[in-house]
Protein backbone atom coordinates (compact mmCIF):
# COMPACT_ATOMS: atom_id res chain seq x y z
CA MET A 1 -11.68 9.96 24.98
CA GLN A 2 -11.00 7.17 26.96
CA ALA A 3 -13.94 5.13 25.85
CA PHE A 4 -13.12 5.55 22.34
CA ARG A 5 -9.12 4.38 23.27
CA PHE A 6 -10.16 1.37 25.15
CA ILE A 7 -13.42 0.40 23.78
CA THR A 8 -14.32 1.65 20.36
CA LEU A 9 -10.45 1.32 18.90
CA PRO A 10 -9.80 -2.09 20.03
CA GLU A 11 -13.13 -3.27 18.50
CA ILE A 12 -12.45 -1.73 15.16
CA ALA A 13 -8.89 -2.39 14.80
CA PRO A 14 -8.84 -5.46 12.80
CA THR A 15 -11.16 -3.66 10.11
CA LEU A 16 -8.78 -0.79 10.21
CA MET A 17 -5.75 -2.76 9.63
CA LEU A 18 -7.47 -4.90 6.85
CA MET A 19 -8.73 -1.71 5.14
CA ALA A 20 -5.18 -0.31 5.46
CA VAL A 21 -3.66 -3.44 3.62
CA LEU A 22 -6.56 -3.49 0.84
CA MET A 23 -5.83 0.16 0.28
CA SER A 24 -2.15 -0.12 -0.05
CA ILE A 25 -2.50 -2.97 -2.39
CA PHE A 26 -5.36 -1.12 -4.51
CA SER A 27 -2.96 1.93 -4.68
CA PHE A 28 -0.38 -0.22 -6.29
CA LYS A 29 -2.89 -1.19 -8.81
CA GLN A 30 -4.10 2.46 -9.68
CA PHE A 31 -1.98 3.00 -13.35
CA THR A 32 -4.52 3.85 -15.80
CA LEU A 33 -6.45 6.24 -14.21
CA ILE A 34 -3.61 8.75 -13.05
CA TRP A 35 -1.83 8.08 -16.41
CA LEU A 36 -4.66 8.87 -18.55
CA THR A 37 -5.79 11.84 -16.54
CA THR A 38 -2.26 13.83 -15.56
CA GLY A 39 0.36 11.53 -17.01
CA GLY A 40 2.35 11.89 -13.92
CA GLY A 41 1.24 15.17 -12.90
CA PRO A 42 1.42 18.73 -14.45
CA TYR A 43 3.78 20.19 -11.80
CA GLY A 44 6.94 18.13 -11.68
CA GLY A 45 5.34 14.55 -11.07
CA ILE A 46 2.68 15.83 -8.30
CA THR A 47 0.60 12.74 -8.73
CA GLU A 48 3.39 10.36 -9.64
CA THR A 49 3.02 6.97 -7.79
CA LEU A 50 5.28 4.10 -7.51
CA VAL A 51 3.78 2.17 -10.35
CA LEU A 52 4.03 5.44 -12.48
CA ARG A 53 7.70 5.86 -11.74
CA ILE A 54 8.31 2.08 -12.51
CA TYR A 55 6.46 2.40 -16.02
CA GLN A 56 8.50 5.74 -16.91
CA THR A 57 11.96 4.27 -15.68
CA ALA A 58 11.58 1.10 -17.49
CA PHE A 59 9.80 2.18 -20.55
CA ARG A 60 10.19 5.95 -21.14
CA PHE A 61 13.87 6.05 -19.73
CA PHE A 62 14.60 2.36 -20.81
CA ASP A 63 16.31 1.74 -17.32
CA LEU A 64 14.92 -1.55 -17.07
CA ALA A 65 17.19 -2.99 -14.34
CA TYR A 66 16.11 -0.05 -12.23
CA GLY A 67 12.38 -0.36 -13.01
CA ALA A 68 12.57 -4.03 -12.00
CA THR A 69 14.11 -3.23 -8.87
CA LEU A 70 11.74 -0.62 -7.87
CA GLY A 71 8.94 -3.29 -8.83
CA VAL A 72 10.48 -5.88 -6.35
CA ALA A 73 10.57 -3.08 -3.70
CA GLY A 74 6.89 -2.44 -4.26
CA PHE A 75 6.07 -6.05 -3.82
CA VAL A 76 8.36 -6.15 -0.76
CA ILE A 77 6.27 -3.40 0.81
CA VAL A 78 2.92 -4.88 -0.19
CA LEU A 79 4.11 -8.44 1.24
CA GLY A 80 5.43 -6.56 4.58
CA LEU A 81 2.08 -5.16 5.22
CA THR A 82 0.18 -8.32 4.60
CA LEU A 83 2.46 -10.29 6.77
CA LEU A 84 2.13 -7.51 9.36
CA PHE A 85 -1.61 -7.86 9.12
CA ILE A 86 -1.81 -11.38 9.41
CA TYR A 87 0.61 -11.57 12.67
CA VAL A 88 -1.48 -8.73 14.11
CA GLN A 89 -4.78 -10.71 13.40
CA GLN A 90 -3.39 -13.83 15.00
CA ARG A 91 -2.04 -12.22 17.85
CA GLN A 92 -5.56 -10.75 18.49
CA ASP A 93 -7.09 -14.13 17.88
CA ARG A 94 -4.96 -16.00 20.48
CA ALA A 95 -5.62 -13.09 22.84
CA ARG A 96 -9.68 -13.36 22.44
CA ARG A 97 -9.36 -17.14 23.03
CA ARG A 98 -7.76 -16.84 26.44
């Protein structure tokens, strides 16, 4: 366990962070597949994602202001994850140079 914690995990941490950022960005792009297969979910929106919620709020319930607010919130979440990734990468690069 100590070998994993102190050797393996620090070496794969940059890759794990990059994959987390990319997967969160790609999950925001998954609209068509979920909409065509489930339409938001058979049991009370069980497969509803933020993108589906934005679509339904703006175009099904005609609440464009709230839909735009959700869209901006999604953008801020992805931007925050990306900035966190860049910060961690730069910090690790500076630590390796020393």
